[in-house]
């Protein structure tokens, strides 16, 4: 058997397909759980409507109030 010097490293052992699939499924499950928790928090605290009320609506009011209107009743 040949001795390895300090600069040479052994190759990592190959992982079985089952372990690779389990790792991918585990990461996918964690991502799904995180996404669910984020959307659940948005729903429970009604954050989408608060965003519309405090951010988007004032921007739209400012935009439409600045428009010139030229409608006359004849």
C-alpha atoms as a PDB file:
ATOM      1  CA  UNK A   1       0.000   0.000   0.000  1.00  0.00           C
ATOM      2  CA  UNK A   2       1.302   3.395  -0.964  1.00  0.00           C
ATOM      3  CA  UNK A   3       1.707   6.050   1.725  1.00  0.00           C
ATOM      4  CA  UNK A   4       0.175   9.468   1.090  1.00  0.00           C
ATOM      5  CA  UNK A   5       2.197  12.545   1.752  1.00  0.00           C
ATOM      6  CA  UNK A   6       0.631  15.442   3.672  1.00  0.00           C
ATOM      7  CA  UNK A   7      -0.195  17.382   0.505  1.00  0.00           C
ATOM      8  CA  UNK A   8      -2.321  14.572  -0.972  1.00  0.00           C
ATOM      9  CA  UNK A   9      -5.833  14.021   0.273  1.00  0.00           C
ATOM     10  CA  UNK A  10      -8.039  10.999   0.036  1.00  0.00           C
ATOM     11  CA  UNK A  11     -11.063  11.230  -2.212  1.00  0.00           C
ATOM     12  CA  UNK A  12     -14.360  11.618  -0.398  1.00  0.00           C
ATOM     13  CA  UNK A  13     -16.438   8.442  -0.397  1.00  0.00           C
ATOM     14  CA  UNK A  14     -19.382   8.426  -2.802  1.00  0.00           C
ATOM     15  CA  UNK A  15     -22.764   9.057  -1.199  1.00  0.00           C
ATOM     16  CA  UNK A  16     -25.596   6.681  -1.902  1.00  0.00           C
ATOM     17  CA  UNK A  17     -28.538   7.967  -4.005  1.00  0.00           C
ATOM     18  CA  UNK A  18     -30.858   7.518  -1.031  1.00  0.00           C
ATOM     19  CA  UNK A  19     -28.807   9.878   1.124  1.00  0.00           C
ATOM     20  CA  UNK A  20     -28.663  12.450  -1.663  1.00  0.00           C
ATOM     21  CA  UNK A  21     -32.452  12.279  -2.157  1.00  0.00           C
ATOM     22  CA  UNK A  22     -33.038  12.522   1.610  1.00  0.00           C
ATOM     23  CA  UNK A  23     -30.823  15.594   1.797  1.00  0.00           C
ATOM     24  CA  UNK A  24     -32.646  17.282  -1.070  1.00  0.00           C
ATOM     25  CA  UNK A  25     -36.071  16.429   0.385  1.00  0.00           C
ATOM     26  CA  UNK A  26     -34.993  17.678   3.800  1.00  0.00           C
ATOM     27  CA  UNK A  27     -33.857  21.012   2.404  1.00  0.00           C
ATOM     28  CA  UNK A  28     -37.035  21.279   0.338  1.00  0.00           C
ATOM     29  CA  UNK A  29     -39.158  20.582   3.437  1.00  0.00           C
ATOM     30  CA  UNK A  30     -37.297  23.267   5.420  1.00  0.00           C
ATOM     31  CA  UNK A  31     -37.781  25.758   2.600  1.00  0.00           C
ATOM     32  CA  UNK A  32     -41.494  24.911   2.394  1.00  0.00           C
ATOM     33  CA  UNK A  33     -41.902  25.297   6.161  1.00  0.00           C
ATOM     34  CA  UNK A  34     -40.141  28.666   6.081  1.00  0.00           C
ATOM     35  CA  UNK A  35     -42.280  29.891   3.189  1.00  0.00           C
ATOM     36  CA  UNK A  36     -45.432  28.756   5.006  1.00  0.00           C
ATOM     37  CA  UNK A  37     -44.414  30.553   8.204  1.00  0.00           C
ATOM     38  CA  UNK A  38     -43.727  33.776   6.309  1.00  0.00           C
ATOM     39  CA  UNK A  39     -47.060  33.713   4.459  1.00  0.00           C
ATOM     40  CA  UNK A  40     -48.924  32.715   7.643  1.00  0.00           C
ATOM     41  CA  UNK A  41     -47.405  35.679   9.497  1.00  0.00           C
ATOM     42  CA  UNK A  42     -48.396  38.039   6.667  1.00  0.00           C
ATOM     43  CA  UNK A  43     -51.958  36.660   6.813  1.00  0.00           C
ATOM     44  CA  UNK A  44     -52.341  36.737  10.612  1.00  0.00           C
ATOM     45  CA  UNK A  45     -51.117  40.305  11.034  1.00  0.00           C
ATOM     46  CA  UNK A  46     -52.934  41.550   7.893  1.00  0.00           C
ATOM     47  CA  UNK A  47     -49.642  42.958   6.609  1.00  0.00           C
ATOM     48  CA  UNK A  48     -50.656  43.120   2.941  1.00  0.00           C
ATOM     49  CA  UNK A  49     -53.516  45.533   3.711  1.00  0.00           C
ATOM     50  CA  UNK A  50     -51.303  47.607   6.002  1.00  0.00           C
ATOM     51  CA  UNK A  51     -48.749  47.877   3.197  1.00  0.00           C
ATOM     52  CA  UNK A  52     -51.441  49.066   0.797  1.00  0.00           C
ATOM     53  CA  UNK A  53     -52.892  51.552   3.308  1.00  0.00           C
ATOM     54  CA  UNK A  54     -49.636  53.105   4.550  1.00  0.00           C
ATOM     55  CA  UNK A  55     -47.364  52.891   1.489  1.00  0.00           C
ATOM     56  CA  UNK A  56     -49.180  52.400  -1.799  1.00  0.00           C
ATOM     57  CA  UNK A  57     -52.329  54.470  -1.182  1.00  0.00           C
ATOM     58  CA  UNK A  58     -50.476  57.708  -0.245  1.00  0.00           C
ATOM     59  CA  UNK A  59     -48.286  57.299  -3.309  1.00  0.00           C
ATOM     60  CA  UNK A  60     -51.336  56.860  -5.553  1.00  0.00           C
ATOM     61  CA  UNK A  61     -53.181  59.790  -3.908  1.00  0.00           C
ATOM     62  CA  UNK A  62     -50.191  62.045  -4.496  1.00  0.00           C
ATOM     63  CA  UNK A  63     -49.928  60.871  -8.094  1.00  0.00           C
ATOM     64  CA  UNK A  64     -53.612  61.322  -8.974  1.00  0.00           C
ATOM     65  CA  UNK A  65     -54.005  64.595  -7.059  1.00  0.00           C
ATOM     66  CA  UNK A  66     -51.189  66.095  -9.125  1.00  0.00           C
ATOM     67  CA  UNK A  67     -52.910  65.365 -12.443  1.00  0.00           C
ATOM     68  CA  UNK A  68     -54.594  68.191 -14.306  1.00  0.00           C
ATOM     69  CA  UNK A  69     -58.268  67.709 -14.941  1.00  0.00           C
ATOM     70  CA  UNK A  70     -59.954  69.376 -17.849  1.00  0.00           C
ATOM     71  CA  UNK A  71     -63.518  68.123 -17.689  1.00  0.00           C
ATOM     72  CA  UNK A  72     -66.232  70.684 -18.036  1.00  0.00           C
ATOM     73  CA  UNK A  73     -69.938  70.178 -17.853  1.00  0.00           C
ATOM     74  CA  UNK A  74     -71.545  71.849 -20.841  1.00  0.00           C
END
